[in-house]
Amino acid sequence: MPNIFVNGFEKLTVEQDFQLRKVVRDAGGRYKVVKNTLAEKAAAGTPAEPILKGLAGMCSIAYTSADPVALAKALTRYAKDNPTLTFKAGLVEGRVIDVGSIEALASMPAKEEIYARLLFLVNAPAQRLVTAINGVARNLAVVVDQGVKENKFSA
């Protein structure tokens, strides 16, 4: 299921459009300018139907089947620099989201960062356990070494 962001792009220059396409491509997405009536007909009966129904004005879609956070971050960053790009709606993992949710999604960490944090949380207790076990063995070795040096062990 692709993740889709519907945008308005009125008054975007050719150079700005070229940069937008590059930003979307770098984020692992695709960008298409759509004809509103064709987009509505193509989306009929699909999860994208609610966001592509009744579009007005110049519209485009940016979509990806990969990480929606990366694409949302790229589009939000671009929209801050170029206010002529506006968000209209979005579809993330089959759920319709509004403009506020797109900005909230853009503020989330990337999927790789979440995985790294989760892996750290899983590994931390294991690392502490290994350190504690090594500490016991180290302390036992020190005690035995002291006993040998002081002739505490007799045969």
C-alpha atoms as a PDB file:
ATOM      1  CA  MET A   1       0.000   0.000   0.000  1.00  0.00           C
ATOM      2  CA  PRO A   2       1.621   3.278  -1.054  1.00  0.00           C
ATOM      3  CA  ASN A   3       1.721   6.300   1.208  1.00  0.00           C
ATOM      4  CA  ILE A   4       0.299   9.324  -0.616  1.00  0.00           C
ATOM      5  CA  PHE A   5       0.466  13.062   0.032  1.00  0.00           C
ATOM      6  CA  VAL A   6      -1.807  15.334  -2.019  1.00  0.00           C
ATOM      7  CA  ASN A   7      -0.383  18.804  -2.608  1.00  0.00           C
ATOM      8  CA  GLY A   8      -1.404  22.083  -4.166  1.00  0.00           C
ATOM      9  CA  PHE A   9       1.347  23.719  -6.184  1.00  0.00           C
ATOM     10  CA  GLU A  10      -0.037  26.893  -7.711  1.00  0.00           C
ATOM     11  CA  LYS A  11       2.540  29.509  -8.762  1.00  0.00           C
ATOM     12  CA  LEU A  12       5.448  27.057  -8.556  1.00  0.00           C
ATOM     13  CA  THR A  13       8.123  27.959 -11.101  1.00  0.00           C
ATOM     14  CA  VAL A  14       9.738  25.384 -13.361  1.00  0.00           C
ATOM     15  CA  GLU A  15      12.944  25.569 -11.309  1.00  0.00           C
ATOM     16  CA  GLN A  16      11.018  25.084  -8.047  1.00  0.00           C
ATOM     17  CA  ASP A  17       9.141  22.144  -9.571  1.00  0.00           C
ATOM     18  CA  PHE A  18      12.450  20.586 -10.654  1.00  0.00           C
ATOM     19  CA  GLN A  19      13.834  21.007  -7.115  1.00  0.00           C
ATOM     20  CA  LEU A  20      10.663  19.529  -5.610  1.00  0.00           C
ATOM     21  CA  ARG A  21      10.939  16.460  -7.827  1.00  0.00           C
ATOM     22  CA  LYS A  22      14.574  16.046  -6.778  1.00  0.00           C
ATOM     23  CA  VAL A  23      13.694  16.367  -3.070  1.00  0.00           C
ATOM     24  CA  VAL A  24      10.936  13.760  -3.384  1.00  0.00           C
ATOM     25  CA  ARG A  25      13.196  11.396  -5.347  1.00  0.00           C
ATOM     26  CA  ASP A  26      15.962  11.753  -2.741  1.00  0.00           C
ATOM     27  CA  ALA A  27      13.439  10.807  -0.037  1.00  0.00           C
ATOM     28  CA  GLY A  28      12.603   7.592  -1.889  1.00  0.00           C
ATOM     29  CA  GLY A  29       9.328   8.831  -3.345  1.00  0.00           C
ATOM     30  CA  ARG A  30       7.727   9.686  -6.652  1.00  0.00           C
ATOM     31  CA  TYR A  31       5.970  12.887  -7.685  1.00  0.00           C
ATOM     32  CA  LYS A  32       3.241  13.335 -10.288  1.00  0.00           C
ATOM     33  CA  VAL A  33       1.064  16.225 -11.365  1.00  0.00           C
ATOM     34  CA  VAL A  34      -2.485  14.929 -11.680  1.00  0.00           C
ATOM     35  CA  LYS A  35      -5.618  15.930 -13.484  1.00  0.00           C
ATOM     36  CA  ASN A  36      -8.259  16.129 -10.750  1.00  0.00           C
ATOM     37  CA  THR A  37     -11.064  14.298 -12.552  1.00  0.00           C
ATOM     38  CA  LEU A  38      -8.766  11.497 -13.724  1.00  0.00           C
ATOM     39  CA  ALA A  39      -7.278  11.079 -10.241  1.00  0.00           C
ATOM     40  CA  GLU A  40     -10.767  10.852  -8.756  1.00  0.00           C
ATOM     41  CA  LYS A  41     -11.838   8.218 -11.300  1.00  0.00           C
ATOM     42  CA  ALA A  42      -8.626   6.218 -10.873  1.00  0.00           C
ATOM     43  CA  ALA A  43      -9.010   6.195  -7.078  1.00  0.00           C
ATOM     44  CA  ALA A  44     -12.622   4.988  -7.119  1.00  0.00           C
ATOM     45  CA  GLY A  45     -12.949   1.882  -4.948  1.00  0.00           C
ATOM     46  CA  THR A  46      -9.445   2.165  -3.475  1.00  0.00           C
ATOM     47  CA  PRO A  47      -8.253   3.360  -0.066  1.00  0.00           C
ATOM     48  CA  ALA A  48      -7.101   6.594  -1.771  1.00  0.00           C
ATOM     49  CA  GLU A  49     -10.637   7.500  -2.844  1.00  0.00           C
ATOM     50  CA  PRO A  50     -11.392   9.839   0.115  1.00  0.00           C
ATOM     51  CA  ILE A  51      -8.300  11.978  -0.425  1.00  0.00           C
ATOM     52  CA  LEU A  52      -8.594  12.222  -4.208  1.00  0.00           C
ATOM     53  CA  LYS A  53     -12.322  12.945  -4.319  1.00  0.00           C
ATOM     54  CA  GLY A  54     -13.416  16.495  -5.113  1.00  0.00           C
ATOM     55  CA  LEU A  55      -9.965  17.967  -5.748  1.00  0.00           C
ATOM     56  CA  ALA A  56      -9.842  21.565  -6.910  1.00  0.00           C
ATOM     57  CA  GLY A  57      -7.032  23.707  -8.234  1.00  0.00           C
ATOM     58  CA  MET A  58      -3.622  22.538  -9.400  1.00  0.00           C
ATOM     59  CA  CYS A  59      -2.850  19.278  -7.595  1.00  0.00           C
ATOM     60  CA  SER A  60       0.002  16.850  -7.427  1.00  0.00           C
ATOM     61  CA  ILE A  61       0.702  13.698  -5.497  1.00  0.00           C
ATOM     62  CA  ALA A  62       3.884  12.528  -3.873  1.00  0.00           C
ATOM     63  CA  TYR A  63       3.907   8.867  -3.003  1.00  0.00           C
ATOM     64  CA  THR A  64       6.144   6.101  -1.719  1.00  0.00           C
ATOM     65  CA  SER A  65       5.821   2.504  -0.661  1.00  0.00           C
ATOM     66  CA  ALA A  66       8.841   2.946   1.595  1.00  0.00           C
ATOM     67  CA  ASP A  67       9.141   5.142   4.708  1.00  0.00           C
ATOM     68  CA  PRO A  68       6.334   7.757   4.799  1.00  0.00           C
ATOM     69  CA  VAL A  69       8.171   9.748   7.483  1.00  0.00           C
ATOM     70  CA  ALA A  70      11.116  10.464   5.187  1.00  0.00           C
ATOM     71  CA  LEU A  71       8.805  11.719   2.440  1.00  0.00           C
ATOM     72  CA  ALA A  72       6.728  13.797   4.867  1.00  0.00           C
ATOM     73  CA  LYS A  73       9.920  15.363   6.264  1.00  0.00           C
ATOM     74  CA  ALA A  74      11.199  16.188   2.778  1.00  0.00           C
ATOM     75  CA  LEU A  75       7.890  17.726   1.663  1.00  0.00           C
ATOM     76  CA  THR A  76       7.471  19.712   4.892  1.00  0.00           C
ATOM     77  CA  ARG A  77      11.031  21.050   4.659  1.00  0.00           C
ATOM     78  CA  TYR A  78      10.439  22.028   1.028  1.00  0.00           C
ATOM     79  CA  ALA A  79       7.081  23.673   1.848  1.00  0.00           C
ATOM     80  CA  LYS A  80       8.747  25.848   4.514  1.00  0.00           C
ATOM     81  CA  ASP A  81      11.196  27.175   1.918  1.00  0.00           C
ATOM     82  CA  ASN A  82       8.519  27.417  -0.811  1.00  0.00           C
ATOM     83  CA  PRO A  83       5.139  28.390   0.673  1.00  0.00           C
ATOM     84  CA  THR A  84       3.460  27.961  -2.723  1.00  0.00           C
ATOM     85  CA  LEU A  85       3.458  24.191  -2.045  1.00  0.00           C
ATOM     86  CA  THR A  86       0.553  23.342   0.245  1.00  0.00           C
ATOM     87  CA  PHE A  87      -0.696  20.096   1.705  1.00  0.00           C
ATOM     88  CA  LYS A  88      -4.275  19.015   1.056  1.00  0.00           C
ATOM     89  CA  ALA A  89      -4.476  15.486   2.511  1.00  0.00           C
ATOM     90  CA  GLY A  90      -2.573  12.271   2.943  1.00  0.00           C
ATOM     91  CA  LEU A  91      -2.898   8.515   3.100  1.00  0.00           C
ATOM     92  CA  VAL A  92      -0.451   6.642   5.321  1.00  0.00           C
ATOM     93  CA  GLU A  93      -0.624   2.862   5.582  1.00  0.00           C
ATOM     94  CA  GLY A  94      -4.248   2.852   4.452  1.00  0.00           C
ATOM     95  CA  ARG A  95      -5.431   5.602   6.811  1.00  0.00           C
ATOM     96  CA  VAL A  96      -6.486   9.061   5.710  1.00  0.00           C
ATOM     97  CA  ILE A  97      -4.643  11.836   7.544  1.00  0.00           C
ATOM     98  CA  ASP A  98      -5.192  15.586   7.590  1.00  0.00           C
ATOM     99  CA  VAL A  99      -2.695  18.424   7.122  1.00  0.00           C
ATOM    100  CA  GLY A 100      -1.894  18.646  10.855  1.00  0.00           C
ATOM    101  CA  SER A 101      -1.135  14.934  10.957  1.00  0.00           C
ATOM    102  CA  ILE A 102       1.256  15.286   8.023  1.00  0.00           C
ATOM    103  CA  GLU A 103       3.261  17.851   9.979  1.00  0.00           C
ATOM    104  CA  ALA A 104       3.171  15.620  13.067  1.00  0.00           C
ATOM    105  CA  LEU A 105       4.380  12.704  10.945  1.00  0.00           C
ATOM    106  CA  ALA A 106       7.233  14.854   9.642  1.00  0.00           C
ATOM    107  CA  SER A 107       8.372  15.565  13.203  1.00  0.00           C
ATOM    108  CA  MET A 108       8.744  11.844  13.981  1.00  0.00           C
ATOM    109  CA  PRO A 109      12.146  10.188  13.815  1.00  0.00           C
ATOM    110  CA  ALA A 110      12.903   8.115  10.728  1.00  0.00           C
ATOM    111  CA  LYS A 111      12.170   4.383  10.740  1.00  0.00           C
ATOM    112  CA  GLU A 112      15.895   3.523  10.917  1.00  0.00           C
ATOM    113  CA  GLU A 113      16.329   5.752  13.966  1.00  0.00           C
ATOM    114  CA  ILE A 114      13.365   4.106  15.710  1.00  0.00           C
ATOM    115  CA  TYR A 115      14.842   0.675  14.961  1.00  0.00           C
ATOM    116  CA  ALA A 116      18.214   1.788  16.325  1.00  0.00           C
ATOM    117  CA  ARG A 117      16.617   3.090  19.536  1.00  0.00           C
ATOM    118  CA  LEU A 118      14.624  -0.116  19.952  1.00  0.00           C
ATOM    119  CA  LEU A 119      17.716  -2.247  19.381  1.00  0.00           C
ATOM    120  CA  PHE A 120      19.608  -0.202  21.979  1.00  0.00           C
ATOM    121  CA  LEU A 121      16.792  -0.718  24.505  1.00  0.00           C
ATOM    122  CA  VAL A 122      16.786  -4.461  23.855  1.00  0.00           C
ATOM    123  CA  ASN A 123      20.581  -4.746  24.057  1.00  0.00           C
ATOM    124  CA  ALA A 124      21.096  -2.560  27.150  1.00  0.00           C
ATOM    125  CA  PRO A 125      19.899  -5.149  29.741  1.00  0.00           C
ATOM    126  CA  ALA A 126      21.977  -7.881  28.081  1.00  0.00           C
ATOM    127  CA  GLN A 127      25.064  -5.661  28.163  1.00  0.00           C
ATOM    128  CA  ARG A 128      24.487  -4.918  31.852  1.00  0.00           C
ATOM    129  CA  LEU A 129      24.116  -8.639  32.599  1.00  0.00           C
ATOM    130  CA  VAL A 130      27.370  -9.467  30.795  1.00  0.00           C
ATOM    131  CA  THR A 131      29.134  -6.671  32.670  1.00  0.00           C
ATOM    132  CA  ALA A 132      27.808  -7.968  36.009  1.00  0.00           C
ATOM    133  CA  ILE A 133      28.838 -11.559  35.243  1.00  0.00           C
ATOM    134  CA  ASN A 134      32.298 -10.407  34.158  1.00  0.00           C
ATOM    135  CA  GLY A 135      32.539  -8.352  37.338  1.00  0.00           C
ATOM    136  CA  VAL A 136      31.860 -11.412  39.523  1.00  0.00           C
ATOM    137  CA  ALA A 137      34.503 -13.438  37.701  1.00  0.00           C
ATOM    138  CA  ARG A 138      36.992 -10.567  37.920  1.00  0.00           C
ATOM    139  CA  ASN A 139      36.354 -10.109  41.649  1.00  0.00           C
ATOM    140  CA  LEU A 140      36.756 -13.869  42.251  1.00  0.00           C
ATOM    141  CA  ALA A 141      40.069 -13.828  40.378  1.00  0.00           C
ATOM    142  CA  VAL A 142      41.290 -10.917  42.508  1.00  0.00           C
ATOM    143  CA  VAL A 143      40.342 -12.731  45.747  1.00  0.00           C
ATOM    144  CA  VAL A 144      42.064 -15.956  44.641  1.00  0.00           C
ATOM    145  CA  ASP A 145      45.154 -14.003  43.569  1.00  0.00           C
ATOM    146  CA  GLN A 146      45.299 -12.255  46.969  1.00  0.00           C
ATOM    147  CA  GLY A 147      44.898 -15.582  48.755  1.00  0.00           C
ATOM    148  CA  VAL A 148      47.768 -17.127  46.814  1.00  0.00           C
ATOM    149  CA  LYS A 149      50.029 -14.116  47.477  1.00  0.00           C
ATOM    150  CA  GLU A 150      49.312 -14.206  51.192  1.00  0.00           C
ATOM    151  CA  ASN A 151      49.566 -18.016  51.396  1.00  0.00           C
ATOM    152  CA  LYS A 152      46.003 -18.314  52.631  1.00  0.00           C
ATOM    153  CA  PHE A 153      45.488 -21.502  50.703  1.00  0.00           C
ATOM    154  CA  SER A 154      47.242 -24.522  52.101  1.00  0.00           C
ATOM    155  CA  ALA A 155      47.352 -27.920  50.626  1.00  0.00           C
END
